[in-house]
């Protein structure tokens, strides 16, 4: 984590002592009210410092813990757009895509995070995520492309229903 994130987290802790230190480590231990208060505090901090990719990343993670996927996606996309060289914003954005099982896109975004890694620990975290994405892509997930026309099967189904209706009327 960068120094700005640590400073921001410490500032938020000093502002409101009832905020859990890191609510996304175990979402089951944080009450919804406490998490909502934490999110409001992060939103206010993001309004004060709109160019902070660290705060937007933490806000996106908090939204994800609160099961608010669209807001989480927006916050993480904005964090990546604010600072395209921010490793954690890129990695968490890729992780959200991976958890939503948008695996081809998560693969691309994780590769970007690997390129942004500044030390071996960040590199190992990103590579582990990429390995998991590729394993899921290979083993358990079917990526169906809807590029075949459905007119022939639809006509065949209609003909079968029409025939069965005619037979039922005849009998």
N, C-alpha and C. Protein backbone atom coordinates (compact mmCIF):
# COMPACT_ATOMS: atom_id res chain seq x y z
N UNK A 1 0.84 -1.18 0.00
CA UNK A 1 0.00 0.00 0.00
C UNK A 1 0.88 1.24 0.00
N UNK A 2 0.39 2.24 -0.60
CA UNK A 2 1.20 3.45 -0.67
C UNK A 2 1.07 4.25 0.62
N UNK A 3 1.98 5.18 0.78
CA UNK A 3 1.98 6.00 1.99
C UNK A 3 0.74 6.87 2.08
N UNK A 4 0.22 7.30 0.93
CA UNK A 4 -0.98 8.15 0.93
C UNK A 4 -2.19 7.40 1.48
N UNK A 5 -2.28 6.10 1.15
CA UNK A 5 -3.39 5.29 1.65
C UNK A 5 -3.30 5.13 3.16
N UNK A 6 -2.09 4.93 3.67
CA UNK A 6 -1.91 4.78 5.11
C UNK A 6 -2.27 6.08 5.82
N UNK A 7 -1.82 7.22 5.26
CA UNK A 7 -2.15 8.52 5.85
C UNK A 7 -3.65 8.76 5.82
N UNK A 8 -4.28 8.46 4.68
CA UNK A 8 -5.73 8.66 4.56
C UNK A 8 -6.48 7.79 5.54
N UNK A 9 -6.04 6.54 5.68
CA UNK A 9 -6.69 5.63 6.61
C UNK A 9 -6.53 6.12 8.04
N UNK A 10 -5.35 6.63 8.38
CA UNK A 10 -5.12 7.15 9.72
C UNK A 10 -5.97 8.39 9.98
N UNK A 11 -6.09 9.25 8.97
CA UNK A 11 -6.93 10.44 9.10
C UNK A 11 -8.39 10.05 9.31
N UNK A 12 -8.83 9.06 8.54
CA UNK A 12 -10.22 8.60 8.69
C UNK A 12 -10.42 7.98 10.07
N UNK A 13 -9.44 7.27 10.57
CA UNK A 13 -9.54 6.67 11.90
C UNK A 13 -9.65 7.75 12.97
N UNK A 14 -8.87 8.81 12.83
CA UNK A 14 -8.92 9.89 13.81
C UNK A 14 -10.23 10.65 13.76
N UNK A 15 -10.81 10.77 12.55
CA UNK A 15 -12.06 11.50 12.41
C UNK A 15 -13.22 10.80 13.09
N UNK A 16 -13.29 9.51 12.94
CA UNK A 16 -14.43 8.77 13.47
C UNK A 16 -13.90 7.47 14.05
N UNK A 17 -13.85 7.37 15.36
CA UNK A 17 -13.25 6.22 16.01
C UNK A 17 -14.09 4.96 15.91
N UNK A 18 -15.36 5.07 15.56
CA UNK A 18 -16.21 3.89 15.49
C UNK A 18 -16.06 3.13 14.17
N UNK A 19 -15.25 3.64 13.25
CA UNK A 19 -15.06 2.96 11.97
C UNK A 19 -14.18 1.75 12.18
N UNK A 20 -14.58 0.60 11.67
CA UNK A 20 -13.69 -0.56 11.76
C UNK A 20 -12.43 -0.31 10.95
N UNK A 21 -11.28 -0.79 11.41
CA UNK A 21 -10.03 -0.45 10.73
C UNK A 21 -9.98 -0.91 9.27
N UNK A 22 -10.31 -2.15 8.98
CA UNK A 22 -10.32 -2.65 7.62
C UNK A 22 -11.52 -3.58 7.49
N UNK A 23 -12.69 -3.06 7.14
CA UNK A 23 -13.90 -3.88 7.17
C UNK A 23 -13.94 -4.99 6.13
N UNK A 24 -13.14 -4.91 5.07
CA UNK A 24 -13.26 -5.91 4.01
C UNK A 24 -12.42 -7.14 4.25
N UNK A 25 -11.69 -7.20 5.34
CA UNK A 25 -10.95 -8.44 5.62
C UNK A 25 -11.90 -9.56 5.98
N UNK A 26 -12.90 -9.27 6.76
CA UNK A 26 -13.92 -10.25 7.08
C UNK A 26 -15.26 -9.53 7.11
N UNK A 27 -15.99 -9.58 6.01
CA UNK A 27 -17.23 -8.80 5.92
C UNK A 27 -18.30 -9.24 6.91
N UNK A 28 -18.18 -10.44 7.44
CA UNK A 28 -19.20 -10.95 8.36
C UNK A 28 -19.07 -10.34 9.75
N UNK A 29 -17.95 -9.70 10.05
CA UNK A 29 -17.78 -9.12 11.38
C UNK A 29 -18.17 -7.65 11.43
N UNK A 30 -18.50 -7.08 10.30
CA UNK A 30 -18.86 -5.66 10.23
C UNK A 30 -20.36 -5.53 10.08
N UNK A 31 -20.95 -4.73 10.94
CA UNK A 31 -22.39 -4.52 10.84
C UNK A 31 -22.69 -3.64 9.62
N UNK A 32 -23.87 -3.80 9.03
CA UNK A 32 -24.22 -2.97 7.87
C UNK A 32 -24.22 -1.48 8.20
N UNK A 33 -24.60 -1.12 9.42
CA UNK A 33 -24.62 0.29 9.80
C UNK A 33 -23.19 0.86 9.85
N UNK A 34 -22.28 0.07 10.44
CA UNK A 34 -20.89 0.52 10.53
C UNK A 34 -20.27 0.64 9.14
N UNK A 35 -20.59 -0.32 8.28
CA UNK A 35 -20.07 -0.28 6.92
C UNK A 35 -20.64 0.91 6.15
N UNK A 36 -21.92 1.19 6.35
CA UNK A 36 -22.53 2.35 5.70
C UNK A 36 -21.88 3.65 6.17
N UNK A 37 -21.58 3.74 7.46
CA UNK A 37 -20.88 4.92 7.98
C UNK A 37 -19.48 5.04 7.40
N UNK A 38 -18.79 3.92 7.27
CA UNK A 38 -17.45 3.91 6.69
C UNK A 38 -17.50 4.38 5.24
N UNK A 39 -18.50 3.90 4.50
CA UNK A 39 -18.64 4.28 3.10
C UNK A 39 -18.94 5.78 2.98
N UNK A 40 -19.80 6.31 3.86
CA UNK A 40 -20.09 7.74 3.82
C UNK A 40 -18.85 8.56 4.10
N UNK A 41 -18.04 8.11 5.04
CA UNK A 41 -16.80 8.82 5.36
C UNK A 41 -15.84 8.78 4.16
N UNK A 42 -15.75 7.62 3.52
CA UNK A 42 -14.89 7.52 2.33
C UNK A 42 -15.40 8.37 1.18
N UNK A 43 -16.72 8.42 1.00
CA UNK A 43 -17.28 9.27 -0.05
C UNK A 43 -16.95 10.74 0.19
N UNK A 44 -17.05 11.15 1.46
CA UNK A 44 -16.72 12.54 1.80
C UNK A 44 -15.23 12.80 1.55
N UNK A 45 -14.39 11.84 1.90
CA UNK A 45 -12.95 12.01 1.68
C UNK A 45 -12.64 12.07 0.18
N UNK A 46 -13.37 11.30 -0.61
CA UNK A 46 -13.16 11.33 -2.07
C UNK A 46 -13.61 12.66 -2.66
N UNK A 47 -14.63 13.26 -2.07
CA UNK A 47 -15.06 14.59 -2.54
C UNK A 47 -14.03 15.66 -2.18
N UNK A 48 -13.40 15.49 -1.02
CA UNK A 48 -12.35 16.44 -0.61
C UNK A 48 -11.11 16.31 -1.48
N UNK A 49 -10.76 15.07 -1.83
CA UNK A 49 -9.55 14.81 -2.60
C UNK A 49 -9.91 13.95 -3.82
N UNK A 50 -10.46 14.54 -4.85
CA UNK A 50 -10.94 13.76 -6.00
C UNK A 50 -9.83 13.10 -6.83
N UNK A 51 -8.59 13.54 -6.69
CA UNK A 51 -7.50 12.97 -7.48
C UNK A 51 -6.77 11.84 -6.75
N UNK A 52 -7.31 11.37 -5.63
CA UNK A 52 -6.66 10.30 -4.87
C UNK A 52 -7.15 8.94 -5.34
N UNK A 53 -6.28 8.23 -6.03
CA UNK A 53 -6.62 6.88 -6.48
C UNK A 53 -6.69 5.92 -5.30
N UNK A 54 -5.92 6.19 -4.25
CA UNK A 54 -5.95 5.34 -3.06
C UNK A 54 -7.33 5.36 -2.41
N UNK A 55 -7.87 6.56 -2.20
CA UNK A 55 -9.19 6.67 -1.57
C UNK A 55 -10.27 6.04 -2.44
N UNK A 56 -10.19 6.23 -3.72
CA UNK A 56 -11.20 5.65 -4.62
C UNK A 56 -11.09 4.13 -4.64
N UNK A 57 -9.89 3.60 -4.52
CA UNK A 57 -9.70 2.15 -4.47
C UNK A 57 -10.33 1.59 -3.20
N UNK A 58 -10.06 2.24 -2.08
CA UNK A 58 -10.64 1.78 -0.81
C UNK A 58 -12.16 1.90 -0.85
N UNK A 59 -12.67 2.96 -1.46
CA UNK A 59 -14.12 3.13 -1.58
C UNK A 59 -14.71 2.02 -2.44
N UNK A 60 -14.05 1.69 -3.53
CA UNK A 60 -14.52 0.59 -4.38
C UNK A 60 -14.53 -0.74 -3.64
N UNK A 61 -13.52 -0.96 -2.82
CA UNK A 61 -13.48 -2.20 -2.03
C UNK A 61 -14.60 -2.22 -0.99
N UNK A 62 -14.85 -1.07 -0.37
CA UNK A 62 -15.93 -1.00 0.62
C UNK A 62 -17.29 -1.22 -0.03
N UNK A 63 -17.49 -0.67 -1.21
CA UNK A 63 -18.74 -0.93 -1.93
C UNK A 63 -18.88 -2.42 -2.25
N UNK A 64 -17.78 -3.05 -2.63
CA UNK A 64 -17.82 -4.48 -2.95
C UNK A 64 -18.19 -5.30 -1.72
N UNK A 65 -17.67 -4.93 -0.56
CA UNK A 65 -18.03 -5.63 0.67
C UNK A 65 -19.51 -5.44 0.98
N UNK A 66 -20.03 -4.29 0.60
CA UNK A 66 -21.44 -3.97 0.83
C UNK A 66 -22.34 -4.57 -0.28
N UNK A 67 -21.75 -5.35 -1.18
CA UNK A 67 -22.46 -6.00 -2.28
C UNK A 67 -23.11 -5.00 -3.23
N UNK A 68 -22.49 -3.86 -3.39
CA UNK A 68 -22.96 -2.85 -4.32
C UNK A 68 -22.00 -2.85 -5.52
N UNK A 69 -22.24 -3.77 -6.43
CA UNK A 69 -21.30 -4.04 -7.50
C UNK A 69 -21.13 -2.87 -8.45
N UNK A 70 -22.22 -2.23 -8.83
CA UNK A 70 -22.13 -1.15 -9.81
C UNK A 70 -21.34 0.04 -9.26
N UNK A 71 -21.59 0.40 -8.00
CA UNK A 71 -20.83 1.50 -7.41
C UNK A 71 -19.36 1.11 -7.24
N UNK A 72 -19.13 -0.16 -6.89
CA UNK A 72 -17.76 -0.63 -6.75
C UNK A 72 -17.03 -0.55 -8.09
N UNK A 73 -17.69 -1.00 -9.13
CA UNK A 73 -17.09 -0.94 -10.47
C UNK A 73 -16.80 0.50 -10.87
N UNK A 74 -17.75 1.40 -10.61
CA UNK A 74 -17.54 2.81 -10.95
C UNK A 74 -16.37 3.40 -10.19
N UNK A 75 -16.29 3.12 -8.87
CA UNK A 75 -15.21 3.68 -8.06
C UNK A 75 -13.85 3.15 -8.50
N UNK A 76 -13.78 1.85 -8.79
CA UNK A 76 -12.50 1.28 -9.19
C UNK A 76 -12.10 1.73 -10.60
N UNK A 77 -13.07 1.87 -11.49
CA UNK A 77 -12.75 2.40 -12.82
C UNK A 77 -12.26 3.83 -12.73
N UNK A 78 -12.87 4.61 -11.85
CA UNK A 78 -12.43 5.99 -11.66
C UNK A 78 -11.04 6.05 -11.03
N UNK A 79 -10.75 5.11 -10.13
CA UNK A 79 -9.42 5.07 -9.52
C UNK A 79 -8.36 4.76 -10.57
N UNK A 80 -8.67 3.82 -11.46
CA UNK A 80 -7.72 3.47 -12.53
C UNK A 80 -7.58 4.63 -13.51
N UNK A 81 -8.69 5.31 -13.81
CA UNK A 81 -8.63 6.45 -14.72
C UNK A 81 -7.88 7.63 -14.10
N UNK A 82 -8.03 7.80 -12.78
CA UNK A 82 -7.35 8.90 -12.09
C UNK A 82 -5.84 8.72 -12.11
N UNK A 83 -5.40 7.49 -11.84
CA UNK A 83 -3.96 7.20 -11.84
C UNK A 83 -3.73 5.87 -12.55
N UNK A 84 -3.43 5.89 -13.84
CA UNK A 84 -3.24 4.64 -14.58
C UNK A 84 -2.03 3.83 -14.14
N UNK A 85 -1.14 4.42 -13.32
CA UNK A 85 0.04 3.70 -12.86
C UNK A 85 -0.14 3.16 -11.43
N UNK A 86 -1.34 3.20 -10.91
CA UNK A 86 -1.61 2.76 -9.54
C UNK A 86 -1.86 1.26 -9.53
N UNK A 87 -0.92 0.52 -8.92
CA UNK A 87 -0.98 -0.94 -8.93
C UNK A 87 -2.23 -1.47 -8.24
N UNK A 88 -2.52 -0.97 -7.03
CA UNK A 88 -3.62 -1.54 -6.25
C UNK A 88 -4.97 -1.24 -6.89
N UNK A 89 -5.13 -0.09 -7.49
CA UNK A 89 -6.38 0.21 -8.17
C UNK A 89 -6.59 -0.76 -9.34
N UNK A 90 -5.53 -0.98 -10.09
CA UNK A 90 -5.62 -1.89 -11.24
C UNK A 90 -5.89 -3.32 -10.78
N UNK A 91 -5.19 -3.76 -9.73
CA UNK A 91 -5.36 -5.12 -9.25
C UNK A 91 -6.76 -5.35 -8.67
N UNK A 92 -7.27 -4.41 -7.90
CA UNK A 92 -8.60 -4.57 -7.31
C UNK A 92 -9.69 -4.49 -8.37
N UNK A 93 -9.48 -3.67 -9.39
CA UNK A 93 -10.42 -3.62 -10.50
C UNK A 93 -10.45 -4.98 -11.21
N UNK A 94 -9.27 -5.54 -11.45
CA UNK A 94 -9.19 -6.86 -12.08
C UNK A 94 -9.80 -7.93 -11.17
N UNK A 95 -9.60 -7.79 -9.87
CA UNK A 95 -10.16 -8.77 -8.94
C UNK A 95 -11.69 -8.73 -8.94
N UNK A 96 -12.25 -7.53 -9.02
CA UNK A 96 -13.70 -7.41 -9.08
C UNK A 96 -14.23 -8.08 -10.35
N UNK A 97 -13.56 -7.87 -11.46
CA UNK A 97 -13.97 -8.52 -12.70
C UNK A 97 -13.85 -10.03 -12.58
N UNK A 98 -12.80 -10.48 -11.93
CA UNK A 98 -12.61 -11.92 -11.73
C UNK A 98 -13.71 -12.50 -10.85
N UNK A 99 -14.08 -11.80 -9.81
CA UNK A 99 -15.14 -12.29 -8.91
C UNK A 99 -16.50 -12.27 -9.59
N UNK A 100 -16.67 -11.37 -10.55
CA UNK A 100 -17.91 -11.33 -11.33
C UNK A 100 -17.88 -12.33 -12.48
N UNK A 101 -16.78 -13.05 -12.60
CA UNK A 101 -16.55 -14.06 -13.63
C UNK A 101 -16.52 -13.50 -15.04
N UNK A 102 -16.08 -12.27 -15.16
CA UNK A 102 -15.78 -11.70 -16.46
C UNK A 102 -14.31 -12.00 -16.72
N UNK A 103 -14.03 -13.29 -16.92
CA UNK A 103 -12.65 -13.77 -16.91
C UNK A 103 -11.77 -13.24 -18.04
N UNK A 104 -12.25 -13.15 -19.27
CA UNK A 104 -11.35 -12.60 -20.30
C UNK A 104 -10.91 -11.17 -19.99
N UNK A 105 -11.82 -10.36 -19.52
CA UNK A 105 -11.49 -8.97 -19.17
C UNK A 105 -10.61 -8.92 -17.93
N UNK A 106 -10.89 -9.80 -16.95
CA UNK A 106 -10.06 -9.85 -15.74
C UNK A 106 -8.63 -10.26 -16.08
N UNK A 107 -8.48 -11.15 -17.05
CA UNK A 107 -7.15 -11.57 -17.48
C UNK A 107 -6.36 -10.39 -18.03
N UNK A 108 -6.99 -9.60 -18.86
CA UNK A 108 -6.32 -8.43 -19.47
C UNK A 108 -5.95 -7.41 -18.39
N UNK A 109 -6.89 -7.13 -17.49
CA UNK A 109 -6.64 -6.12 -16.45
C UNK A 109 -5.58 -6.60 -15.46
N UNK A 110 -5.53 -7.89 -15.16
CA UNK A 110 -4.50 -8.42 -14.26
C UNK A 110 -3.13 -8.34 -14.91
N UNK A 111 -3.06 -8.55 -16.21
CA UNK A 111 -1.78 -8.39 -16.92
C UNK A 111 -1.28 -6.96 -16.80
N UNK A 112 -2.21 -6.00 -16.87
CA UNK A 112 -1.81 -4.60 -16.69
C UNK A 112 -1.26 -4.38 -15.28
N UNK A 113 -1.90 -5.02 -14.28
CA UNK A 113 -1.43 -4.89 -12.90
C UNK A 113 -0.04 -5.50 -12.74
N UNK A 114 0.21 -6.61 -13.43
CA UNK A 114 1.54 -7.23 -13.37
C UNK A 114 2.60 -6.27 -13.90
N UNK A 115 2.27 -5.55 -14.96
CA UNK A 115 3.22 -4.58 -15.52
C UNK A 115 3.47 -3.42 -14.57
N UNK A 116 2.50 -3.12 -13.70
CA UNK A 116 2.63 -2.00 -12.77
C UNK A 116 3.28 -2.38 -11.45
N UNK A 117 3.50 -3.66 -11.21
CA UNK A 117 4.06 -4.11 -9.93
C UNK A 117 5.44 -3.51 -9.71
N UNK A 118 5.65 -3.00 -8.48
CA UNK A 118 6.91 -2.33 -8.17
C UNK A 118 7.86 -3.19 -7.35
N UNK A 119 7.36 -4.25 -6.75
CA UNK A 119 8.24 -5.13 -5.97
C UNK A 119 7.79 -6.57 -6.14
N UNK A 120 8.55 -7.48 -5.58
CA UNK A 120 8.27 -8.90 -5.80
C UNK A 120 6.98 -9.34 -5.13
N UNK A 121 6.62 -8.72 -4.01
CA UNK A 121 5.38 -9.10 -3.34
C UNK A 121 4.16 -8.74 -4.19
N UNK A 122 4.13 -7.53 -4.73
CA UNK A 122 3.03 -7.13 -5.60
C UNK A 122 2.98 -8.02 -6.84
N UNK A 123 4.14 -8.33 -7.37
CA UNK A 123 4.21 -9.20 -8.54
C UNK A 123 3.66 -10.58 -8.23
N UNK A 124 3.99 -11.12 -7.06
CA UNK A 124 3.50 -12.46 -6.70
C UNK A 124 1.99 -12.46 -6.47
N UNK A 125 1.45 -11.38 -5.89
CA UNK A 125 0.00 -11.29 -5.68
C UNK A 125 -0.72 -11.24 -7.02
N UNK A 126 -0.22 -10.44 -7.93
CA UNK A 126 -0.86 -10.31 -9.25
C UNK A 126 -0.73 -11.61 -10.05
N UNK A 127 0.42 -12.25 -9.98
CA UNK A 127 0.60 -13.51 -10.70
C UNK A 127 -0.29 -14.61 -10.14
N UNK A 128 -0.46 -14.64 -8.82
CA UNK A 128 -1.36 -15.63 -8.23
C UNK A 128 -2.80 -15.41 -8.70
N UNK A 129 -3.21 -14.15 -8.80
CA UNK A 129 -4.55 -13.84 -9.29
C UNK A 129 -4.69 -14.26 -10.75
N UNK A 130 -3.67 -13.98 -11.56
CA UNK A 130 -3.71 -14.35 -12.97
C UNK A 130 -3.75 -15.88 -13.12
N UNK A 131 -3.02 -16.56 -12.28
CA UNK A 131 -3.02 -18.02 -12.32
C UNK A 131 -4.41 -18.57 -11.98
N UNK A 132 -5.07 -18.00 -10.99
CA UNK A 132 -6.41 -18.43 -10.62
C UNK A 132 -7.40 -18.15 -11.74
N UNK A 133 -7.29 -16.98 -12.35
CA UNK A 133 -8.18 -16.63 -13.47
C UNK A 133 -7.99 -17.62 -14.61
N UNK A 134 -6.76 -17.93 -14.95
CA UNK A 134 -6.52 -18.85 -16.06
C UNK A 134 -6.97 -20.27 -15.73
N UNK A 135 -6.83 -20.67 -14.47
CA UNK A 135 -7.31 -21.99 -14.08
C UNK A 135 -8.83 -22.07 -14.20
N UNK A 136 -9.51 -21.02 -13.73
CA UNK A 136 -10.97 -21.00 -13.86
C UNK A 136 -11.39 -20.97 -15.32
N UNK A 137 -10.69 -20.23 -16.11
CA UNK A 137 -10.99 -20.13 -17.53
C UNK A 137 -10.82 -21.47 -18.22
N UNK A 138 -9.81 -22.20 -17.82
CA UNK A 138 -9.51 -23.48 -18.44
C UNK A 138 -10.40 -24.60 -17.93
N UNK A 139 -10.62 -24.66 -16.62
CA UNK A 139 -11.26 -25.83 -16.02
C UNK A 139 -12.77 -25.74 -15.86
N UNK A 140 -13.24 -24.67 -15.26
CA UNK A 140 -14.62 -24.71 -14.79
C UNK A 140 -15.57 -23.73 -15.42
N UNK A 141 -15.10 -22.84 -16.20
CA UNK A 141 -15.99 -21.83 -16.74
C UNK A 141 -16.13 -22.03 -18.23
N UNK A 142 -17.35 -21.99 -18.68
CA UNK A 142 -17.61 -22.06 -20.11
C UNK A 142 -17.90 -20.67 -20.62
N UNK A 143 -17.12 -20.24 -21.55
CA UNK A 143 -17.34 -18.94 -22.16
C UNK A 143 -18.10 -19.15 -23.46
N UNK A 144 -19.40 -19.00 -23.39
CA UNK A 144 -20.25 -19.20 -24.54
C UNK A 144 -20.33 -17.89 -25.31
N UNK A 145 -20.08 -17.99 -26.58
CA UNK A 145 -20.23 -16.81 -27.43
C UNK A 145 -21.54 -16.97 -28.19
N UNK A 146 -22.34 -15.95 -28.16
CA UNK A 146 -23.64 -15.99 -28.82
C UNK A 146 -23.52 -15.39 -30.21
N UNK A 147 -22.75 -16.07 -31.05
CA UNK A 147 -22.54 -15.54 -32.39
C UNK A 147 -23.22 -16.36 -33.47
N UNK A 148 -23.96 -17.41 -33.09
CA UNK A 148 -24.67 -18.23 -34.08
C UNK A 148 -26.12 -17.76 -34.16
N UNK A 149 -26.68 -17.73 -35.35
CA UNK A 149 -28.07 -17.31 -35.48
C UNK A 149 -29.01 -18.37 -34.91
N UNK A 150 -30.08 -17.92 -34.30
CA UNK A 150 -31.05 -18.83 -33.69
C UNK A 150 -32.31 -18.98 -34.53
N UNK A 151 -32.29 -18.54 -35.76
CA UNK A 151 -33.50 -18.60 -36.57
C UNK A 151 -33.90 -20.04 -36.90
N UNK A 152 -32.95 -20.89 -37.27
CA UNK A 152 -33.28 -22.29 -37.62
C UNK A 152 -33.83 -23.03 -36.40
N UNK A 153 -33.19 -22.99 -35.23
CA UNK A 153 -33.80 -23.67 -34.08
C UNK A 153 -35.15 -23.09 -33.69
N UNK A 154 -35.33 -21.79 -33.83
CA UNK A 154 -36.62 -21.17 -33.49
C UNK A 154 -37.70 -21.62 -34.47
N UNK A 155 -37.39 -21.71 -35.76
CA UNK A 155 -38.35 -22.20 -36.74
C UNK A 155 -38.69 -23.67 -36.51
N UNK A 156 -37.69 -24.46 -36.16
CA UNK A 156 -37.90 -25.88 -35.89
C UNK A 156 -38.80 -26.05 -34.66
N UNK A 157 -38.56 -25.29 -33.62
CA UNK A 157 -39.39 -25.36 -32.41
C UNK A 157 -40.82 -24.93 -32.72
N UNK A 158 -40.98 -23.89 -33.51
CA UNK A 158 -42.32 -23.43 -33.89
C UNK A 158 -43.05 -24.50 -34.69
N UNK A 159 -42.34 -25.15 -35.61
CA UNK A 159 -42.96 -26.21 -36.42
C UNK A 159 -43.38 -27.38 -35.54
N UNK A 160 -42.56 -27.75 -34.60
CA UNK A 160 -42.91 -28.85 -33.69
C UNK A 160 -44.14 -28.50 -32.85
N UNK A 161 -44.18 -27.27 -32.33
CA UNK A 161 -45.34 -26.86 -31.55
C UNK A 161 -46.60 -26.82 -32.40
N UNK A 162 -46.48 -26.37 -33.62
CA UNK A 162 -47.62 -26.33 -34.53
C UNK A 162 -48.12 -27.75 -34.84
N UNK A 163 -47.18 -28.68 -35.09
CA UNK A 163 -47.56 -30.07 -35.35
C UNK A 163 -48.25 -30.70 -34.15
N UNK A 164 -47.68 -30.47 -32.96
CA UNK A 164 -48.31 -31.05 -31.75
C UNK A 164 -49.68 -30.43 -31.52
N UNK A 165 -49.86 -29.17 -31.79
CA UNK A 165 -51.16 -28.53 -31.67
C UNK A 165 -52.15 -29.14 -32.65
N UNK A 166 -51.71 -29.38 -33.91
CA UNK A 166 -52.58 -29.98 -34.93
C UNK A 166 -52.99 -31.39 -34.54
N UNK A 167 -52.04 -32.17 -34.02
CA UNK A 167 -52.34 -33.54 -33.59
C UNK A 167 -53.35 -33.51 -32.42
N UNK A 168 -53.20 -32.62 -31.49
CA UNK A 168 -54.10 -32.52 -30.35
C UNK A 168 -55.50 -32.09 -30.79
N UNK A 169 -55.56 -31.26 -31.78
CA UNK A 169 -56.86 -30.82 -32.31
C UNK A 169 -57.54 -31.97 -33.06
N UNK A 170 -56.78 -32.80 -33.75
CA UNK A 170 -57.31 -33.91 -34.52
C UNK A 170 -57.88 -34.97 -33.61
N UNK A 171 -57.22 -35.21 -32.48
CA UNK A 171 -57.65 -36.29 -31.58
C UNK A 171 -58.80 -35.89 -30.77
